[in-house]
Amino acid sequence: MNLHDKILLALLCAAVTAITSCTLAPNPNPDQAKILKAQWVNPYPVGSYAYFTAEPSYPKTYKIYKDARAFGALDEENTRVEIILSLQRARIYNGEEIALDYPIASGRKTFPTPPGRYQIVEKVQRQKQSNLYGTIYDSEGNIYKNDADITADEVPEGGEFKGAAMPYWMRLTWKGLGMHQGRVPRYPASHGCVRMPSKVASEIYAMLSIGTPVSIVR
């Protein structure tokens, strides 16, 4: 093999090596996932329910979806509520349209919210207090125990038990299950009831009627 052929062979090998290394073993870009995420565009119309649920932050967001037209047209005939425990969210339907989608907090592991089909059987706007759970105070008015269970926790001499406030109460069973305004931390946190955020509790209370169907699903 003469010198010319050796040079051509060396150049050919170098080219093959370069092509192979670029094709089969590219250097990974550690920011590739971030770049792809930044490039993602929600394909649905802004303001639509499809857009709301397609967002990466759904369902853990505190945001609330409201179709003002569908919500304003709710009545006793077209309204139903669906509570989805796995998502910790609830949806109010006007017929087959979603009028409202909002975060909830259902019962924690030791007080699970039972799935099933219910209907609203009682409404109490402001005065409702729990007769089981609340705060125990000592004789000086100081907090003795938060998150107390009156069936298990003793009230000190001279003290008192005050049931937790449950404004905008909508009862689902006569055994204590209901919906009401309360703290909604984006995970199951209640004693079994379904808590609604204060931002929409009064609106929901005003629009739902006794007899409104409520389904609780896993």
Protein backbone atom coordinates (compact mmCIF):
# COMPACT_ATOMS: atom_id res chain seq x y z
CA MET A 1 0.00 0.00 0.00
CA ASN A 2 1.50 3.29 -1.03
CA LEU A 3 1.51 6.49 0.99
CA HIS A 4 -1.45 7.95 -0.89
CA ASP A 5 -3.60 4.91 -0.13
CA LYS A 6 -2.56 4.96 3.54
CA ILE A 7 -3.61 8.60 3.86
CA LEU A 8 -7.00 7.88 2.23
CA LEU A 9 -7.55 4.90 4.53
CA ALA A 10 -6.72 6.96 7.62
CA LEU A 11 -9.11 9.70 6.57
CA LEU A 12 -11.86 7.16 5.90
CA CYS A 13 -11.44 5.54 9.33
CA ALA A 14 -11.52 8.92 11.05
CA ALA A 15 -14.74 9.83 9.23
CA VAL A 16 -16.42 6.54 10.12
CA THR A 17 -15.41 6.93 13.77
CA ALA A 18 -16.79 10.45 13.93
CA ILE A 19 -20.11 9.46 12.33
CA THR A 20 -20.50 6.44 14.62
CA SER A 21 -19.74 8.39 17.80
CA CYS A 22 -22.18 11.14 16.86
CA THR A 23 -24.94 8.75 15.84
CA LEU A 24 -24.75 6.06 18.50
CA ALA A 25 -23.33 7.84 21.51
CA PRO A 26 -24.52 11.45 21.60
CA ASN A 27 -23.71 13.50 24.64
CA PRO A 28 -26.98 13.73 26.67
CA ASN A 29 -28.33 17.18 27.39
CA PRO A 30 -29.17 17.34 31.12
CA ASP A 31 -31.63 20.17 30.47
CA GLN A 32 -33.47 18.34 27.69
CA ALA A 33 -36.52 17.59 29.88
CA LYS A 34 -36.73 21.25 30.90
CA ILE A 35 -36.43 22.34 27.28
CA LEU A 36 -39.19 19.98 26.17
CA LYS A 37 -41.41 21.10 29.05
CA ALA A 38 -40.85 24.74 28.21
CA GLN A 39 -41.78 24.04 24.61
CA TRP A 40 -45.08 22.26 25.50
CA VAL A 41 -48.14 24.24 24.53
CA ASN A 42 -51.63 23.43 25.79
CA PRO A 43 -53.51 22.50 22.60
CA TYR A 44 -56.98 23.41 23.85
CA PRO A 45 -58.73 26.80 23.73
CA VAL A 46 -57.82 29.04 26.62
CA GLY A 47 -60.66 29.16 29.14
CA SER A 48 -62.13 25.81 28.14
CA TYR A 49 -62.49 22.95 30.59
CA ALA A 50 -60.24 20.80 28.39
CA TYR A 51 -57.53 23.46 28.70
CA PHE A 52 -57.98 23.58 32.50
CA THR A 53 -57.60 19.82 32.98
CA ALA A 54 -54.73 19.51 30.47
CA GLU A 55 -52.51 21.84 32.46
CA PRO A 56 -49.64 19.96 34.19
CA SER A 57 -50.69 21.38 37.58
CA TYR A 58 -54.11 19.70 37.44
CA PRO A 59 -55.52 18.17 39.68
CA LYS A 60 -53.27 19.39 42.53
CA THR A 61 -53.89 23.04 41.75
CA TYR A 62 -55.94 25.22 44.08
CA LYS A 63 -57.41 26.86 40.98
CA ILE A 64 -61.13 26.64 40.31
CA TYR A 65 -62.80 26.21 36.93
CA LYS A 66 -66.13 27.94 36.47
CA ASP A 67 -68.38 28.13 33.45
CA ALA A 68 -70.37 31.21 34.47
CA ARG A 69 -73.20 30.52 32.01
CA ALA A 70 -73.66 26.87 33.02
CA PHE A 71 -73.27 27.66 36.72
CA GLY A 72 -75.77 30.50 36.62
CA ALA A 73 -78.33 28.24 34.93
CA LEU A 74 -78.22 25.51 37.60
CA ASP A 75 -81.62 24.47 38.92
CA GLU A 76 -83.23 21.59 40.80
CA GLU A 77 -83.72 19.59 37.63
CA ASN A 78 -80.30 19.78 35.95
CA THR A 79 -77.82 19.78 38.85
CA ARG A 80 -75.68 16.99 40.22
CA VAL A 81 -72.39 16.83 42.12
CA GLU A 82 -69.53 14.38 41.65
CA ILE A 83 -66.78 14.09 44.27
CA ILE A 84 -63.65 12.28 43.08
CA LEU A 85 -61.59 11.07 46.04
CA SER A 86 -58.51 10.09 44.01
CA LEU A 87 -58.26 13.61 42.58
CA GLN A 88 -59.43 15.43 45.71
CA ARG A 89 -61.68 17.50 43.48
CA ALA A 90 -65.41 17.93 42.96
CA ARG A 91 -67.41 18.76 39.87
CA ILE A 92 -70.85 20.32 39.65
CA TYR A 93 -72.71 19.45 36.47
CA ASN A 94 -75.42 21.31 34.62
CA GLY A 95 -76.82 18.35 32.73
CA GLU A 96 -73.72 17.01 30.95
CA GLU A 97 -71.80 20.31 31.13
CA ILE A 98 -69.28 20.95 33.89
CA ALA A 99 -70.28 24.17 35.61
CA LEU A 100 -67.69 24.11 38.40
CA ASP A 101 -64.55 22.10 39.22
CA TYR A 102 -62.99 22.85 42.60
CA PRO A 103 -60.56 21.31 45.13
CA ILE A 104 -61.89 19.47 48.17
CA ALA A 105 -60.50 17.71 51.23
CA SER A 106 -62.12 14.40 52.10
CA GLY A 107 -61.65 12.16 55.12
CA ARG A 108 -58.15 11.13 56.09
CA LYS A 109 -57.08 7.49 56.36
CA THR A 110 -58.51 6.96 59.87
CA PHE A 111 -61.83 8.65 58.93
CA PRO A 112 -62.35 7.75 55.25
CA THR A 113 -65.15 9.34 53.26
CA PRO A 114 -67.42 6.51 52.09
CA PRO A 115 -68.04 6.31 48.33
CA GLY A 116 -71.65 6.03 47.29
CA ARG A 117 -74.70 7.80 45.92
CA TYR A 118 -76.31 10.40 48.16
CA GLN A 119 -78.46 13.48 48.02
CA ILE A 120 -78.53 16.67 50.06
CA VAL A 121 -81.01 16.20 52.89
CA GLU A 122 -80.33 19.29 55.03
CA LYS A 123 -78.80 22.75 54.65
CA VAL A 124 -77.55 24.96 57.51
CA GLN A 125 -75.75 28.11 56.45
CA ARG A 126 -73.91 29.39 59.53
CA GLN A 127 -74.79 27.85 62.90
CA LYS A 128 -73.78 24.27 62.26
CA GLN A 129 -71.10 22.87 64.58
CA SER A 130 -69.75 19.35 64.91
CA ASN A 131 -71.03 17.46 67.93
CA LEU A 132 -68.09 15.04 67.75
CA TYR A 133 -64.94 16.93 66.72
CA GLY A 134 -63.58 20.28 67.78
CA THR A 135 -61.48 21.95 70.47
CA ILE A 136 -61.35 21.34 74.21
CA TYR A 137 -60.63 24.33 76.48
CA ASP A 138 -59.53 24.30 80.10
CA SER A 139 -61.19 26.24 82.91
CA GLU A 140 -59.13 29.35 82.05
CA GLY A 141 -60.25 29.34 78.43
CA ASN A 142 -56.93 28.10 77.12
CA ILE A 143 -56.78 25.42 74.45
CA TYR A 144 -56.43 22.05 76.13
CA LYS A 145 -56.59 19.96 72.94
CA ASN A 146 -57.05 20.75 69.29
CA ASP A 147 -58.68 18.29 66.91
CA ALA A 148 -60.41 16.64 69.85
CA ASP A 149 -62.83 13.75 69.63
CA ILE A 150 -65.47 14.16 72.35
CA THR A 151 -66.09 10.41 72.40
CA ALA A 152 -62.44 9.69 73.24
CA ASP A 153 -60.94 12.84 74.80
CA GLU A 154 -61.72 13.97 78.34
CA VAL A 155 -62.80 17.53 79.11
CA PRO A 156 -60.90 18.84 82.17
CA GLU A 157 -62.88 20.02 85.19
CA GLY A 158 -64.31 23.46 84.53
CA GLY A 159 -63.42 23.24 80.84
CA GLU A 160 -65.61 22.92 77.77
CA PHE A 161 -65.80 21.34 74.35
CA LYS A 162 -66.59 23.51 71.33
CA GLY A 163 -67.53 21.70 68.16
CA ALA A 164 -65.74 22.68 64.97
CA ALA A 165 -67.62 25.25 62.92
CA MET A 166 -69.00 23.85 59.67
CA PRO A 167 -70.45 26.80 57.74
CA TYR A 168 -72.45 26.16 54.58
CA TRP A 169 -73.32 22.70 55.85
CA MET A 170 -75.06 20.37 53.39
CA ARG A 171 -75.89 17.02 54.96
CA LEU A 172 -75.66 13.82 52.93
CA THR A 173 -76.53 11.26 55.63
CA TRP A 174 -78.02 11.37 59.10
CA LYS A 175 -74.87 9.65 60.37
CA GLY A 176 -72.72 12.76 60.02
CA LEU A 177 -71.56 12.81 56.41
CA GLY A 178 -71.86 16.15 54.67
CA MET A 179 -70.19 18.94 52.72
CA HIS A 180 -69.10 22.22 54.34
CA GLN A 181 -66.57 25.02 54.17
CA GLY A 182 -63.21 24.22 55.73
CA ARG A 183 -59.47 23.93 55.31
CA VAL A 184 -58.54 22.35 51.97
CA PRO A 185 -54.84 21.37 52.02
CA ARG A 186 -54.94 19.29 48.77
CA TYR A 187 -54.89 15.95 50.53
CA PRO A 188 -57.43 14.01 52.64
CA ALA A 189 -57.61 15.82 55.97
CA SER A 190 -61.13 15.75 57.42
CA HIS A 191 -63.01 13.45 59.81
CA GLY A 192 -64.99 12.10 56.87
CA CYS A 193 -66.88 15.13 55.59
CA VAL A 194 -66.07 16.82 52.30
CA ARG A 195 -64.59 20.28 52.81
CA MET A 196 -65.09 23.07 50.29
CA PRO A 197 -62.77 26.09 49.90
CA SER A 198 -64.05 29.38 51.31
CA LYS A 199 -63.62 31.00 47.89
CA VAL A 200 -66.64 29.14 46.48
CA ALA A 201 -68.45 27.63 49.49
CA SER A 202 -71.14 30.31 49.68
CA GLU A 203 -71.82 30.13 45.92
CA ILE A 204 -72.08 26.35 45.99
CA TYR A 205 -74.38 26.46 49.01
CA ALA A 206 -76.64 28.99 47.29
CA MET A 207 -76.91 27.00 44.05
CA LEU A 208 -77.44 23.48 45.44
CA SER A 209 -80.84 22.44 46.74
CA ILE A 210 -82.17 19.81 49.09
CA GLY A 211 -82.51 16.71 46.95
CA THR A 212 -79.49 17.47 44.73
CA PRO A 213 -77.80 14.14 43.81
CA VAL A 214 -74.23 13.75 45.07
CA SER A 215 -72.02 10.84 44.02
CA ILE A 216 -68.74 10.10 45.78
CA VAL A 217 -66.36 7.95 43.74
CA ARG A 218 -62.87 6.66 44.28
